[in-house]
Amino acid sequence: MDNISFEFFPPRTPEGDAKLRNVRAQLAALKPEYFSVTFGAGGSTREGTLNTVMEMHRDGLSVAPHISCIGTSRDSVR
């Protein structure tokens, strides 16, 4: 199979969080190269993105966050 990746939007509700966990477990079985998580326009989902990325990383998945520089300080990106 060719390399493949999957992109997620961070969930906004507990129900969405549970659904994302279920979907990513199913997709992980396809052995993607990595998952990515969007950051939202102007960083609107910043906290959700970072929480989702950290959880996926703890679960042993290769994950890459989308990081927007608009409205974001250099220190907050670090």
N, C-alpha and C. Protein backbone atom coordinates (compact mmCIF):
# COMPACT_ATOMS: atom_id res chain seq x y z
N MET A 1 0.85 -1.18 0.00
CA MET A 1 0.00 0.00 0.00
C MET A 1 0.89 1.24 0.00
N ASP A 2 0.47 2.26 -0.71
CA ASP A 2 1.19 3.53 -0.70
C ASP A 2 1.08 4.17 0.67
N ASN A 3 2.00 5.11 0.94
CA ASN A 3 1.92 5.84 2.19
C ASN A 3 0.63 6.63 2.23
N ILE A 4 0.04 6.66 3.40
CA ILE A 4 -1.23 7.37 3.59
C ILE A 4 -1.19 8.05 4.94
N SER A 5 -1.90 9.16 5.06
CA SER A 5 -2.06 9.83 6.34
C SER A 5 -3.52 10.25 6.47
N PHE A 6 -3.92 10.56 7.68
CA PHE A 6 -5.29 11.00 7.95
C PHE A 6 -5.26 12.29 8.74
N GLU A 7 -6.20 13.18 8.44
CA GLU A 7 -6.28 14.47 9.11
C GLU A 7 -7.57 14.55 9.91
N PHE A 8 -7.46 15.07 11.13
CA PHE A 8 -8.61 15.23 12.01
C PHE A 8 -8.80 16.68 12.39
N PHE A 9 -10.05 17.03 12.66
CA PHE A 9 -10.37 18.28 13.33
C PHE A 9 -10.50 17.93 14.81
N PRO A 10 -10.01 18.78 15.71
CA PRO A 10 -10.14 18.45 17.13
C PRO A 10 -11.62 18.45 17.54
N PRO A 11 -12.02 17.53 18.38
CA PRO A 11 -13.42 17.48 18.81
C PRO A 11 -13.77 18.65 19.71
N ARG A 12 -15.04 19.05 19.67
CA ARG A 12 -15.51 20.17 20.50
C ARG A 12 -16.43 19.73 21.62
N THR A 13 -16.80 18.46 21.63
CA THR A 13 -17.71 17.94 22.65
C THR A 13 -17.19 16.60 23.16
N PRO A 14 -17.65 16.17 24.33
CA PRO A 14 -17.26 14.84 24.81
C PRO A 14 -17.69 13.73 23.85
N GLU A 15 -18.84 13.89 23.21
CA GLU A 15 -19.30 12.89 22.25
C GLU A 15 -18.37 12.84 21.04
N GLY A 16 -17.94 14.02 20.59
CA GLY A 16 -17.00 14.09 19.47
C GLY A 16 -15.67 13.47 19.83
N ASP A 17 -15.25 13.66 21.08
CA ASP A 17 -13.99 13.08 21.54
C ASP A 17 -14.06 11.55 21.51
N ALA A 18 -15.17 11.01 21.98
CA ALA A 18 -15.34 9.55 21.96
C ALA A 18 -15.38 9.02 20.53
N LYS A 19 -16.05 9.74 19.65
CA LYS A 19 -16.13 9.32 18.25
C LYS A 19 -14.75 9.36 17.60
N LEU A 20 -13.97 10.40 17.90
CA LEU A 20 -12.63 10.51 17.33
C LEU A 20 -11.75 9.35 17.79
N ARG A 21 -11.83 9.00 19.07
CA ARG A 21 -11.04 7.86 19.57
C ARG A 21 -11.40 6.57 18.82
N ASN A 22 -12.68 6.36 18.60
CA ASN A 22 -13.13 5.16 17.90
C ASN A 22 -12.64 5.16 16.45
N VAL A 23 -12.80 6.27 15.77
CA VAL A 23 -12.41 6.36 14.36
C VAL A 23 -10.90 6.21 14.21
N ARG A 24 -10.15 6.87 15.07
CA ARG A 24 -8.69 6.78 14.90
C ARG A 24 -8.18 5.37 15.21
N ALA A 25 -8.84 4.65 16.11
CA ALA A 25 -8.45 3.25 16.36
C ALA A 25 -8.69 2.41 15.11
N GLN A 26 -9.81 2.65 14.44
CA GLN A 26 -10.09 1.92 13.20
C GLN A 26 -9.09 2.27 12.11
N LEU A 27 -8.78 3.56 11.99
CA LEU A 27 -7.84 3.99 10.94
C LEU A 27 -6.41 3.57 11.25
N ALA A 28 -6.05 3.48 12.52
CA ALA A 28 -4.70 3.05 12.89
C ALA A 28 -4.42 1.64 12.38
N ALA A 29 -5.46 0.83 12.25
CA ALA A 29 -5.30 -0.53 11.73
C ALA A 29 -4.80 -0.53 10.28
N LEU A 30 -4.98 0.59 9.58
CA LEU A 30 -4.50 0.71 8.20
C LEU A 30 -3.02 1.10 8.13
N LYS A 31 -2.41 1.31 9.30
CA LYS A 31 -0.98 1.64 9.40
C LYS A 31 -0.60 2.89 8.61
N PRO A 32 -1.26 4.02 8.89
CA PRO A 32 -0.90 5.25 8.18
C PRO A 32 0.50 5.71 8.59
N GLU A 33 1.11 6.50 7.73
CA GLU A 33 2.43 7.06 8.05
C GLU A 33 2.32 7.99 9.25
N TYR A 34 1.24 8.77 9.30
CA TYR A 34 1.00 9.66 10.44
C TYR A 34 -0.44 10.16 10.39
N PHE A 35 -0.86 10.76 11.49
CA PHE A 35 -2.12 11.48 11.58
C PHE A 35 -1.78 12.96 11.74
N SER A 36 -2.63 13.84 11.25
CA SER A 36 -2.45 15.26 11.50
C SER A 36 -3.73 15.81 12.11
N VAL A 37 -3.58 16.89 12.87
CA VAL A 37 -4.71 17.52 13.54
C VAL A 37 -4.69 19.00 13.19
N THR A 38 -5.82 19.51 12.69
CA THR A 38 -5.90 20.90 12.26
C THR A 38 -5.82 21.86 13.44
N PHE A 39 -5.50 23.10 13.13
CA PHE A 39 -5.32 24.13 14.16
C PHE A 39 -6.45 25.14 14.15
N GLY A 40 -7.28 25.15 13.13
CA GLY A 40 -8.39 26.10 13.07
C GLY A 40 -7.96 27.47 12.61
N ALA A 41 -8.86 28.19 11.98
CA ALA A 41 -8.55 29.53 11.46
C ALA A 41 -8.13 30.45 12.60
N GLY A 42 -6.97 31.07 12.44
CA GLY A 42 -6.48 31.99 13.45
C GLY A 42 -6.22 31.33 14.79
N GLY A 43 -6.04 30.03 14.80
CA GLY A 43 -5.77 29.32 16.05
C GLY A 43 -7.01 29.07 16.89
N SER A 44 -8.19 29.08 16.26
CA SER A 44 -9.45 28.97 16.99
C SER A 44 -9.61 27.65 17.74
N THR A 45 -8.90 26.62 17.33
CA THR A 45 -9.00 25.33 18.02
C THR A 45 -7.66 24.94 18.66
N ARG A 46 -6.86 25.95 18.98
CA ARG A 46 -5.50 25.72 19.49
C ARG A 46 -5.47 24.71 20.63
N GLU A 47 -6.24 24.95 21.68
CA GLU A 47 -6.18 24.06 22.84
C GLU A 47 -6.65 22.65 22.49
N GLY A 48 -7.74 22.55 21.74
CA GLY A 48 -8.23 21.24 21.33
C GLY A 48 -7.23 20.49 20.47
N THR A 49 -6.56 21.23 19.57
CA THR A 49 -5.55 20.61 18.72
C THR A 49 -4.42 20.05 19.57
N LEU A 50 -3.90 20.86 20.46
CA LEU A 50 -2.77 20.41 21.28
C LEU A 50 -3.15 19.24 22.18
N ASN A 51 -4.34 19.29 22.77
CA ASN A 51 -4.79 18.17 23.62
C ASN A 51 -4.93 16.89 22.81
N THR A 52 -5.50 17.00 21.62
CA THR A 52 -5.68 15.83 20.76
C THR A 52 -4.34 15.26 20.33
N VAL A 53 -3.42 16.14 19.94
CA VAL A 53 -2.09 15.69 19.52
C VAL A 53 -1.36 14.99 20.66
N MET A 54 -1.43 15.57 21.85
CA MET A 54 -0.73 14.97 23.00
C MET A 54 -1.33 13.60 23.34
N GLU A 55 -2.64 13.47 23.28
CA GLU A 55 -3.28 12.18 23.57
C GLU A 55 -2.88 11.13 22.54
N MET A 56 -2.89 11.51 21.27
CA MET A 56 -2.52 10.57 20.22
C MET A 56 -1.05 10.15 20.36
N HIS A 57 -0.20 11.10 20.72
CA HIS A 57 1.22 10.80 20.92
C HIS A 57 1.38 9.81 22.08
N ARG A 58 0.66 10.05 23.17
CA ARG A 58 0.72 9.13 24.32
C ARG A 58 0.25 7.73 23.94
N ASP A 59 -0.66 7.66 22.98
CA ASP A 59 -1.17 6.36 22.52
C ASP A 59 -0.22 5.68 21.53
N GLY A 60 0.92 6.32 21.27
CA GLY A 60 1.93 5.71 20.41
C GLY A 60 1.74 5.94 18.92
N LEU A 61 0.88 6.90 18.57
CA LEU A 61 0.65 7.20 17.16
C LEU A 61 1.59 8.30 16.67
N SER A 62 2.00 8.23 15.42
CA SER A 62 2.77 9.31 14.81
C SER A 62 1.77 10.40 14.45
N VAL A 63 2.00 11.59 14.98
CA VAL A 63 1.02 12.67 14.81
C VAL A 63 1.73 14.00 14.59
N ALA A 64 1.14 14.83 13.74
CA ALA A 64 1.69 16.15 13.44
C ALA A 64 0.59 17.19 13.60
N PRO A 65 0.83 18.21 14.43
CA PRO A 65 -0.17 19.27 14.55
C PRO A 65 0.00 20.29 13.43
N HIS A 66 -1.11 20.87 13.01
CA HIS A 66 -1.04 22.05 12.14
C HIS A 66 -0.91 23.23 13.10
N ILE A 67 0.05 24.07 12.87
CA ILE A 67 0.25 25.23 13.74
C ILE A 67 0.14 26.49 12.91
N SER A 68 -0.74 27.38 13.34
CA SER A 68 -0.92 28.66 12.66
C SER A 68 -0.08 29.71 13.37
N CYS A 69 0.59 30.52 12.60
CA CYS A 69 1.41 31.58 13.18
C CYS A 69 0.61 32.86 13.38
N ILE A 70 -0.57 32.94 12.80
CA ILE A 70 -1.39 34.14 12.92
C ILE A 70 -1.94 34.23 14.33
N GLY A 71 -1.67 35.33 15.00
CA GLY A 71 -2.17 35.54 16.35
C GLY A 71 -1.51 34.66 17.39
N THR A 72 -0.34 34.12 17.08
CA THR A 72 0.36 33.22 17.99
C THR A 72 1.74 33.79 18.29
N SER A 73 2.08 33.84 19.56
CA SER A 73 3.41 34.33 19.92
C SER A 73 4.45 33.22 19.72
N ARG A 74 5.67 33.62 19.56
CA ARG A 74 6.76 32.66 19.40
C ARG A 74 6.85 31.73 20.61
N ASP A 75 6.68 32.29 21.80
CA ASP A 75 6.78 31.48 23.02
C ASP A 75 5.68 30.43 23.10
N SER A 76 4.47 30.76 22.64
CA SER A 76 3.38 29.79 22.75
C SER A 76 3.55 28.62 21.78
N VAL A 77 4.29 28.82 20.69
CA VAL A 77 4.54 27.74 19.74
C VAL A 77 5.55 26.77 20.32
N ARG A 78 6.45 27.25 21.10
CA ARG A 78 7.48 26.39 21.70
C ARG A 78 6.86 25.49 22.71
